[in-house]
């Protein structure tokens, strides 16, 4: 659904986004962008010694995938005004993350724009790795 149709979104509408497999290179680049150089995100031996079973992705990278799914669905004229996530399981290099979103509520906002609350779930296979919600302000229609 593009932003021109966002005003027509209804409770129960869904959207999905599948990301390419997470790579160690991606984790190192994200570390640089976020200034989070914790070795659990790029040093296999260190992450194993920390009891994690190997390298894990940054939680905020998983949340960024969720934000991208909402943003791609809502379109460039909409604004994500709030996003939250609870992390249930780590994402690892090689994992393919699939984000599923569902419109949970539609209401007029105090700014005159329509606000949609979306429930979002990030999955690796059948396992939920993160769940959360986003509030999207739809463009004003004239």
C-alpha atoms as a PDB file:
ATOM      1  CA  UNK A   1       0.000   0.000   0.000  1.00  0.00           C
ATOM      2  CA  UNK A   2       1.476   3.369  -0.947  1.00  0.00           C
ATOM      3  CA  UNK A   3       1.022   6.552   1.044  1.00  0.00           C
ATOM      4  CA  UNK A   4      -1.619   7.703  -1.446  1.00  0.00           C
ATOM      5  CA  UNK A   5      -3.723   4.774  -0.218  1.00  0.00           C
ATOM      6  CA  UNK A   6      -2.689   4.940   3.438  1.00  0.00           C
ATOM      7  CA  UNK A   7      -5.802   6.964   4.201  1.00  0.00           C
ATOM      8  CA  UNK A   8      -7.784   3.885   3.136  1.00  0.00           C
ATOM      9  CA  UNK A   9      -6.005   1.514   5.548  1.00  0.00           C
ATOM     10  CA  UNK A  10      -8.298  -0.517   7.748  1.00  0.00           C
ATOM     11  CA  UNK A  11      -7.878  -2.482  10.962  1.00  0.00           C
ATOM     12  CA  UNK A  12      -6.590  -5.923  10.030  1.00  0.00           C
ATOM     13  CA  UNK A  13      -4.687  -4.836   6.900  1.00  0.00           C
ATOM     14  CA  UNK A  14      -1.253  -6.465   6.774  1.00  0.00           C
ATOM     15  CA  UNK A  15       2.132  -5.810   5.209  1.00  0.00           C
ATOM     16  CA  UNK A  16       5.358  -7.812   5.050  1.00  0.00           C
ATOM     17  CA  UNK A  17       9.038  -7.253   4.337  1.00  0.00           C
ATOM     18  CA  UNK A  18      11.716  -9.917   3.992  1.00  0.00           C
ATOM     19  CA  UNK A  19      15.309  -8.820   4.364  1.00  0.00           C
ATOM     20  CA  UNK A  20      18.291 -10.554   2.759  1.00  0.00           C
ATOM     21  CA  UNK A  21      20.278 -12.822   5.071  1.00  0.00           C
ATOM     22  CA  UNK A  22      22.109 -10.895   7.797  1.00  0.00           C
ATOM     23  CA  UNK A  23      25.887 -10.846   7.238  1.00  0.00           C
ATOM     24  CA  UNK A  24      28.817 -10.291   9.571  1.00  0.00           C
ATOM     25  CA  UNK A  25      29.863  -7.417   7.301  1.00  0.00           C
ATOM     26  CA  UNK A  26      26.461  -5.828   7.871  1.00  0.00           C
ATOM     27  CA  UNK A  27      26.950  -6.149  11.640  1.00  0.00           C
ATOM     28  CA  UNK A  28      30.356  -4.481  11.485  1.00  0.00           C
ATOM     29  CA  UNK A  29      28.941  -1.660   9.352  1.00  0.00           C
ATOM     30  CA  UNK A  30      26.047  -1.232  11.773  1.00  0.00           C
ATOM     31  CA  UNK A  31      28.530  -1.117  14.652  1.00  0.00           C
ATOM     32  CA  UNK A  32      30.262   1.776  12.906  1.00  0.00           C
ATOM     33  CA  UNK A  33      27.028   3.607  12.182  1.00  0.00           C
ATOM     34  CA  UNK A  34      25.672   3.167  15.712  1.00  0.00           C
ATOM     35  CA  UNK A  35      29.010   3.463  17.530  1.00  0.00           C
ATOM     36  CA  UNK A  36      28.225   0.139  19.248  1.00  0.00           C
ATOM     37  CA  UNK A  37      31.407  -1.920  19.060  1.00  0.00           C
ATOM     38  CA  UNK A  38      30.466  -4.616  21.558  1.00  0.00           C
ATOM     39  CA  UNK A  39      32.433  -7.668  20.478  1.00  0.00           C
ATOM     40  CA  UNK A  40      29.382  -9.944  20.726  1.00  0.00           C
ATOM     41  CA  UNK A  41      28.347  -8.474  17.372  1.00  0.00           C
ATOM     42  CA  UNK A  42      31.459  -9.428  15.376  1.00  0.00           C
ATOM     43  CA  UNK A  43      33.875 -11.655  17.364  1.00  0.00           C
ATOM     44  CA  UNK A  44      32.719 -15.292  17.195  1.00  0.00           C
ATOM     45  CA  UNK A  45      35.052 -16.580  19.931  1.00  0.00           C
ATOM     46  CA  UNK A  46      34.192 -13.733  22.297  1.00  0.00           C
ATOM     47  CA  UNK A  47      30.437 -14.169  21.723  1.00  0.00           C
ATOM     48  CA  UNK A  48      30.724 -17.916  22.396  1.00  0.00           C
ATOM     49  CA  UNK A  49      32.686 -17.300  25.596  1.00  0.00           C
ATOM     50  CA  UNK A  50      29.969 -14.837  26.653  1.00  0.00           C
ATOM     51  CA  UNK A  51      27.476 -17.721  26.483  1.00  0.00           C
ATOM     52  CA  UNK A  52      25.656 -16.500  23.383  1.00  0.00           C
ATOM     53  CA  UNK A  53      26.519 -19.436  21.143  1.00  0.00           C
ATOM     54  CA  UNK A  54      28.124 -17.108  18.609  1.00  0.00           C
ATOM     55  CA  UNK A  55      27.802 -13.653  17.110  1.00  0.00           C
ATOM     56  CA  UNK A  56      24.418 -11.932  17.406  1.00  0.00           C
ATOM     57  CA  UNK A  57      22.994  -8.927  15.582  1.00  0.00           C
ATOM     58  CA  UNK A  58      22.405  -5.631  17.361  1.00  0.00           C
ATOM     59  CA  UNK A  59      18.869  -5.475  18.727  1.00  0.00           C
ATOM     60  CA  UNK A  60      18.485  -2.035  17.207  1.00  0.00           C
ATOM     61  CA  UNK A  61      19.330  -3.464  13.771  1.00  0.00           C
ATOM     62  CA  UNK A  62      16.386  -5.845  14.161  1.00  0.00           C
ATOM     63  CA  UNK A  63      14.233  -2.885  15.203  1.00  0.00           C
ATOM     64  CA  UNK A  64      15.494  -0.963  12.160  1.00  0.00           C
ATOM     65  CA  UNK A  65      14.190  -3.775   9.948  1.00  0.00           C
ATOM     66  CA  UNK A  66      10.816  -3.315  11.635  1.00  0.00           C
ATOM     67  CA  UNK A  67      10.945   0.441  11.054  1.00  0.00           C
ATOM     68  CA  UNK A  68      11.841  -0.080   7.413  1.00  0.00           C
ATOM     69  CA  UNK A  69       8.864  -2.386   6.913  1.00  0.00           C
ATOM     70  CA  UNK A  70       6.514   0.231   8.365  1.00  0.00           C
ATOM     71  CA  UNK A  71       8.149   3.050   6.398  1.00  0.00           C
ATOM     72  CA  UNK A  72       8.099   1.159   3.093  1.00  0.00           C
ATOM     73  CA  UNK A  73       4.433   0.284   3.629  1.00  0.00           C
ATOM     74  CA  UNK A  74       3.367   3.770   4.749  1.00  0.00           C
ATOM     75  CA  UNK A  75       5.301   5.627   2.034  1.00  0.00           C
ATOM     76  CA  UNK A  76       7.438   8.773   2.037  1.00  0.00           C
ATOM     77  CA  UNK A  77       4.642  11.228   2.879  1.00  0.00           C
ATOM     78  CA  UNK A  78       3.757   9.447   6.133  1.00  0.00           C
ATOM     79  CA  UNK A  79       5.667   9.788   9.402  1.00  0.00           C
ATOM     80  CA  UNK A  80       6.503   7.122  11.950  1.00  0.00           C
ATOM     81  CA  UNK A  81       5.832   9.040  15.164  1.00  0.00           C
ATOM     82  CA  UNK A  82       6.546   6.184  17.580  1.00  0.00           C
ATOM     83  CA  UNK A  83       8.068   2.721  17.405  1.00  0.00           C
ATOM     84  CA  UNK A  84       8.837   0.195  20.109  1.00  0.00           C
ATOM     85  CA  UNK A  85      10.073  -3.376  20.266  1.00  0.00           C
ATOM     86  CA  UNK A  86      10.612  -6.207  22.701  1.00  0.00           C
ATOM     87  CA  UNK A  87      13.384  -8.610  21.781  1.00  0.00           C
ATOM     88  CA  UNK A  88      12.614 -12.302  22.260  1.00  0.00           C
ATOM     89  CA  UNK A  89      15.550 -14.052  20.611  1.00  0.00           C
ATOM     90  CA  UNK A  90      18.806 -13.063  18.911  1.00  0.00           C
ATOM     91  CA  UNK A  91      19.268 -12.674  15.179  1.00  0.00           C
ATOM     92  CA  UNK A  92      22.478 -14.222  13.832  1.00  0.00           C
ATOM     93  CA  UNK A  93      24.495 -13.932  10.638  1.00  0.00           C
ATOM     94  CA  UNK A  94      22.780 -16.030   7.985  1.00  0.00           C
ATOM     95  CA  UNK A  95      19.309 -15.430   9.398  1.00  0.00           C
ATOM     96  CA  UNK A  96      16.652 -14.100   7.043  1.00  0.00           C
ATOM     97  CA  UNK A  97      14.392 -11.702   8.927  1.00  0.00           C
ATOM     98  CA  UNK A  98      10.780 -11.365   7.829  1.00  0.00           C
ATOM     99  CA  UNK A  99       8.687  -8.550   9.281  1.00  0.00           C
ATOM    100  CA  UNK A 100       4.911  -8.793   9.404  1.00  0.00           C
ATOM    101  CA  UNK A 101       2.787  -5.789  10.315  1.00  0.00           C
ATOM    102  CA  UNK A 102      -0.923  -5.510  11.024  1.00  0.00           C
ATOM    103  CA  UNK A 103      -2.980  -2.336  11.376  1.00  0.00           C
ATOM    104  CA  UNK A 104      -4.406  -2.504  14.894  1.00  0.00           C
ATOM    105  CA  UNK A 105      -6.123   0.874  15.202  1.00  0.00           C
ATOM    106  CA  UNK A 106      -7.012   3.874  13.031  1.00  0.00           C
ATOM    107  CA  UNK A 107      -7.965   7.221  14.546  1.00  0.00           C
ATOM    108  CA  UNK A 108      -7.743  10.925  13.820  1.00  0.00           C
ATOM    109  CA  UNK A 109      -4.698  12.527  15.416  1.00  0.00           C
ATOM    110  CA  UNK A 110      -4.533  15.837  17.240  1.00  0.00           C
ATOM    111  CA  UNK A 111      -2.511  17.222  14.316  1.00  0.00           C
ATOM    112  CA  UNK A 112      -5.365  16.562  11.884  1.00  0.00           C
ATOM    113  CA  UNK A 113      -3.588  13.612  10.336  1.00  0.00           C
ATOM    114  CA  UNK A 114      -4.879  10.076  10.566  1.00  0.00           C
ATOM    115  CA  UNK A 115      -2.897   7.917  12.993  1.00  0.00           C
ATOM    116  CA  UNK A 116      -2.545   4.187  12.546  1.00  0.00           C
ATOM    117  CA  UNK A 117      -1.176   1.846  15.184  1.00  0.00           C
ATOM    118  CA  UNK A 118       0.539  -1.184  13.708  1.00  0.00           C
ATOM    119  CA  UNK A 119       1.552  -4.352  15.515  1.00  0.00           C
ATOM    120  CA  UNK A 120       4.859  -5.579  14.094  1.00  0.00           C
ATOM    121  CA  UNK A 121       6.626  -8.910  14.441  1.00  0.00           C
ATOM    122  CA  UNK A 122      10.094  -9.846  13.211  1.00  0.00           C
ATOM    123  CA  UNK A 123      10.555 -13.534  12.539  1.00  0.00           C
ATOM    124  CA  UNK A 124      13.361 -15.889  11.597  1.00  0.00           C
ATOM    125  CA  UNK A 125      11.635 -18.922  10.180  1.00  0.00           C
ATOM    126  CA  UNK A 126       8.709 -19.605  12.508  1.00  0.00           C
ATOM    127  CA  UNK A 127      10.470 -18.061  15.526  1.00  0.00           C
ATOM    128  CA  UNK A 128       9.466 -14.565  16.679  1.00  0.00           C
ATOM    129  CA  UNK A 129      12.672 -12.659  17.410  1.00  0.00           C
ATOM    130  CA  UNK A 130      11.030  -9.301  18.200  1.00  0.00           C
ATOM    131  CA  UNK A 131       7.550  -7.882  18.570  1.00  0.00           C
ATOM    132  CA  UNK A 132       6.362  -4.344  18.928  1.00  0.00           C
ATOM    133  CA  UNK A 133       4.231  -1.535  17.626  1.00  0.00           C
ATOM    134  CA  UNK A 134       4.490   1.617  15.579  1.00  0.00           C
ATOM    135  CA  UNK A 135       2.300   4.673  15.239  1.00  0.00           C
ATOM    136  CA  UNK A 136       2.131   6.153  11.758  1.00  0.00           C
ATOM    137  CA  UNK A 137       0.717   9.595  10.958  1.00  0.00           C
ATOM    138  CA  UNK A 138      -0.869   9.447   7.540  1.00  0.00           C
ATOM    139  CA  UNK A 139      -0.685  12.473   5.273  1.00  0.00           C
ATOM    140  CA  UNK A 140      -3.606  14.841   5.406  1.00  0.00           C
ATOM    141  CA  UNK A 141      -6.073  14.357   2.613  1.00  0.00           C
ATOM    142  CA  UNK A 142      -7.511  17.381   0.922  1.00  0.00           C
END
